[in-house]
Amino acid sequence: MKIALPVVNNTLCLHFGHCEKFAVFNVDEKSKTISSTEYIDAPPHEPGLLPPWLAKKGVNCIIAGGMGSRAKQLFAENNISVITGSSVGDPEIIVKDYLNGRLVTGENVCDH
């Protein structure tokens, strides 16, 4: 499984479309471990670009602070599950919390 998080200054960016990079984690769901991490420069912001771009990189889950409903729909069409409402924090800790069922999510901070 590959999990992507939008990051800015090495921390989760609350709005995935305005990040500097994506932290992409290769994880083993059974052992709940991270096997590798890659930081990829985000492409220029363009509506509808990120879902197919991340799908081509093998991502099948994205964790974000906020995401609009249309973006969520586009990710679903690219077979990428979306988790919103994550707080700002260290991407690796967020992924570990997710894998261990400890990720606390709140409100989706994006309203468009």
C-alpha atoms as a PDB file:
ATOM      1  CA  MET A   1       0.000   0.000   0.000  1.00  0.00           C
ATOM      2  CA  LYS A   2       1.171   3.541  -0.732  1.00  0.00           C
ATOM      3  CA  ILE A   3      -0.020   6.443   1.394  1.00  0.00           C
ATOM      4  CA  ALA A   4       0.585  10.055   0.349  1.00  0.00           C
ATOM      5  CA  LEU A   5       0.443  13.153   2.523  1.00  0.00           C
ATOM      6  CA  PRO A   6       0.729  16.745   1.306  1.00  0.00           C
ATOM      7  CA  VAL A   7       3.550  18.502   3.116  1.00  0.00           C
ATOM      8  CA  VAL A   8       4.974  21.967   3.555  1.00  0.00           C
ATOM      9  CA  ASN A   9       8.092  22.571   5.677  1.00  0.00           C
ATOM     10  CA  ASN A  10       8.198  18.811   6.440  1.00  0.00           C
ATOM     11  CA  THR A  11       4.796  18.831   8.147  1.00  0.00           C
ATOM     12  CA  LEU A  12       1.295  17.976   6.978  1.00  0.00           C
ATOM     13  CA  CYS A  13      -0.191  20.762   4.864  1.00  0.00           C
ATOM     14  CA  LEU A  14      -3.823  21.368   5.770  1.00  0.00           C
ATOM     15  CA  HIS A  15      -4.909  21.782   2.141  1.00  0.00           C
ATOM     16  CA  PHE A  16      -3.471  19.174  -0.197  1.00  0.00           C
ATOM     17  CA  GLY A  17      -3.661  21.415  -3.283  1.00  0.00           C
ATOM     18  CA  HIS A  18      -1.298  24.010  -1.815  1.00  0.00           C
ATOM     19  CA  CYS A  19       1.579  21.814  -0.690  1.00  0.00           C
ATOM     20  CA  GLU A  20       5.266  21.918  -1.648  1.00  0.00           C
ATOM     21  CA  LYS A  21       5.766  18.164  -1.744  1.00  0.00           C
ATOM     22  CA  PHE A  22       4.057  14.860  -1.191  1.00  0.00           C
ATOM     23  CA  ALA A  23       5.448  12.397   1.321  1.00  0.00           C
ATOM     24  CA  VAL A  24       4.780   8.965  -0.150  1.00  0.00           C
ATOM     25  CA  PHE A  25       5.044   6.022   2.230  1.00  0.00           C
ATOM     26  CA  ASN A  26       5.275   2.392   1.153  1.00  0.00           C
ATOM     27  CA  VAL A  27       3.641   0.503   3.989  1.00  0.00           C
ATOM     28  CA  ASP A  28       2.928  -3.082   4.938  1.00  0.00           C
ATOM     29  CA  GLU A  29      -0.598  -3.160   6.315  1.00  0.00           C
ATOM     30  CA  LYS A  30      -0.151  -6.556   7.971  1.00  0.00           C
ATOM     31  CA  SER A  31       2.968  -5.682   9.943  1.00  0.00           C
ATOM     32  CA  LYS A  32       1.873  -2.029  10.243  1.00  0.00           C
ATOM     33  CA  THR A  33       5.302  -0.808   9.220  1.00  0.00           C
ATOM     34  CA  ILE A  34       6.726   1.738   6.823  1.00  0.00           C
ATOM     35  CA  SER A  35       9.176   0.158   4.388  1.00  0.00           C
ATOM     36  CA  SER A  36      10.234   3.351   2.603  1.00  0.00           C
ATOM     37  CA  THR A  37       9.457   7.047   2.265  1.00  0.00           C
ATOM     38  CA  GLU A  38       9.894   9.313  -0.723  1.00  0.00           C
ATOM     39  CA  TYR A  39       9.356  13.070  -0.911  1.00  0.00           C
ATOM     40  CA  ILE A  40       8.125  14.149  -4.346  1.00  0.00           C
ATOM     41  CA  ASP A  41       7.858  17.767  -5.500  1.00  0.00           C
ATOM     42  CA  ALA A  42       4.234  18.687  -6.106  1.00  0.00           C
ATOM     43  CA  PRO A  43       3.315  19.658  -9.655  1.00  0.00           C
ATOM     44  CA  PRO A  44       1.979  23.182 -10.278  1.00  0.00           C
ATOM     45  CA  HIS A  45      -1.513  23.609  -8.863  1.00  0.00           C
ATOM     46  CA  GLU A  46      -4.056  22.706 -11.499  1.00  0.00           C
ATOM     47  CA  PRO A  47      -7.603  21.500 -10.762  1.00  0.00           C
ATOM     48  CA  GLY A  48      -7.996  17.790 -11.400  1.00  0.00           C
ATOM     49  CA  LEU A  49      -4.278  17.079 -11.904  1.00  0.00           C
ATOM     50  CA  LEU A  50      -3.334  15.493  -8.576  1.00  0.00           C
ATOM     51  CA  PRO A  51      -5.601  12.397  -8.519  1.00  0.00           C
ATOM     52  CA  PRO A  52      -4.303  10.845 -11.772  1.00  0.00           C
ATOM     53  CA  TRP A  53      -0.754  12.064 -11.040  1.00  0.00           C
ATOM     54  CA  LEU A  54      -0.702  10.323  -7.653  1.00  0.00           C
ATOM     55  CA  ALA A  55      -2.454   7.237  -9.074  1.00  0.00           C
ATOM     56  CA  LYS A  56       0.354   6.874 -11.644  1.00  0.00           C
ATOM     57  CA  LYS A  57       2.802   6.860  -8.729  1.00  0.00           C
ATOM     58  CA  GLY A  58       0.924   3.912  -7.197  1.00  0.00           C
ATOM     59  CA  VAL A  59      -0.719   5.835  -4.360  1.00  0.00           C
ATOM     60  CA  ASN A  60      -3.926   4.249  -3.078  1.00  0.00           C
ATOM     61  CA  CYS A  61      -4.585   6.360   0.037  1.00  0.00           C
ATOM     62  CA  ILE A  62      -4.173  10.054   0.809  1.00  0.00           C
ATOM     63  CA  ILE A  63      -4.328  11.634   4.251  1.00  0.00           C
ATOM     64  CA  ALA A  64      -5.030  15.369   4.319  1.00  0.00           C
ATOM     65  CA  GLY A  65      -6.242  18.099   6.603  1.00  0.00           C
ATOM     66  CA  GLY A  66      -8.820  19.237   4.091  1.00  0.00           C
ATOM     67  CA  MET A  67     -10.082  18.536   0.625  1.00  0.00           C
ATOM     68  CA  GLY A  68     -13.004  19.767  -1.434  1.00  0.00           C
ATOM     69  CA  SER A  69     -15.816  17.443  -2.463  1.00  0.00           C
ATOM     70  CA  ARG A  70     -14.905  17.498  -6.170  1.00  0.00           C
ATOM     71  CA  ALA A  71     -11.301  16.535  -5.398  1.00  0.00           C
ATOM     72  CA  LYS A  72     -12.519  13.664  -3.200  1.00  0.00           C
ATOM     73  CA  GLN A  73     -14.675  12.466  -6.075  1.00  0.00           C
ATOM     74  CA  LEU A  74     -11.721  12.599  -8.491  1.00  0.00           C
ATOM     75  CA  PHE A  75      -9.549  10.631  -6.081  1.00  0.00           C
ATOM     76  CA  ALA A  76     -12.296   7.996  -5.755  1.00  0.00           C
ATOM     77  CA  GLU A  77     -12.452   7.740  -9.561  1.00  0.00           C
ATOM     78  CA  ASN A  78      -8.693   7.011  -9.478  1.00  0.00           C
ATOM     79  CA  ASN A  79      -9.141   4.309  -6.793  1.00  0.00           C
ATOM     80  CA  ILE A  80      -7.484   6.387  -4.086  1.00  0.00           C
ATOM     81  CA  SER A  81      -9.154   6.480  -0.675  1.00  0.00           C
ATOM     82  CA  VAL A  82      -9.181   9.816   1.133  1.00  0.00           C
ATOM     83  CA  ILE A  83      -8.930  10.536   4.836  1.00  0.00           C
ATOM     84  CA  THR A  84      -9.517  14.172   5.777  1.00  0.00           C
ATOM     85  CA  GLY A  85      -9.451  16.042   9.048  1.00  0.00           C
ATOM     86  CA  SER A  86      -5.919  15.125  10.053  1.00  0.00           C
ATOM     87  CA  SER A  87      -4.117  17.665  12.207  1.00  0.00           C
ATOM     88  CA  VAL A  88      -0.819  19.264  11.250  1.00  0.00           C
ATOM     89  CA  GLY A  89       2.083  17.107  12.306  1.00  0.00           C
ATOM     90  CA  ASP A  90       4.982  14.905  11.331  1.00  0.00           C
ATOM     91  CA  PRO A  91       3.927  12.842   8.282  1.00  0.00           C
ATOM     92  CA  GLU A  92       5.626   9.661   9.540  1.00  0.00           C
ATOM     93  CA  ILE A  93       3.844   9.833  12.895  1.00  0.00           C
ATOM     94  CA  ILE A  94       0.517  10.443  11.128  1.00  0.00           C
ATOM     95  CA  VAL A  95       1.027   7.358   8.941  1.00  0.00           C
ATOM     96  CA  LYS A  96       2.064   5.216  11.929  1.00  0.00           C
ATOM     97  CA  ASP A  97      -1.013   6.408  13.834  1.00  0.00           C
ATOM     98  CA  TYR A  98      -3.192   5.542  10.818  1.00  0.00           C
ATOM     99  CA  LEU A  99      -1.683   2.059  10.489  1.00  0.00           C
ATOM    100  CA  ASN A 100      -2.232   1.397  14.192  1.00  0.00           C
ATOM    101  CA  GLY A 101      -5.794   2.737  14.289  1.00  0.00           C
ATOM    102  CA  ARG A 102      -4.816   5.759  16.386  1.00  0.00           C
ATOM    103  CA  LEU A 103      -5.226   8.559  13.833  1.00  0.00           C
ATOM    104  CA  VAL A 104      -7.619  11.116  15.232  1.00  0.00           C
ATOM    105  CA  THR A 105      -9.404  13.134  12.573  1.00  0.00           C
ATOM    106  CA  GLY A 106     -11.554  16.173  12.957  1.00  0.00           C
ATOM    107  CA  GLU A 107     -13.384  18.437  10.594  1.00  0.00           C
ATOM    108  CA  ASN A 108     -12.464  18.650   6.931  1.00  0.00           C
ATOM    109  CA  VAL A 109     -10.784  22.081   6.853  1.00  0.00           C
ATOM    110  CA  CYS A 110     -11.640  22.660   3.188  1.00  0.00           C
ATOM    111  CA  ASP A 111     -15.073  23.891   2.181  1.00  0.00           C
ATOM    112  CA  HIS A 112     -14.950  23.890  -1.624  1.00  0.00           C
END
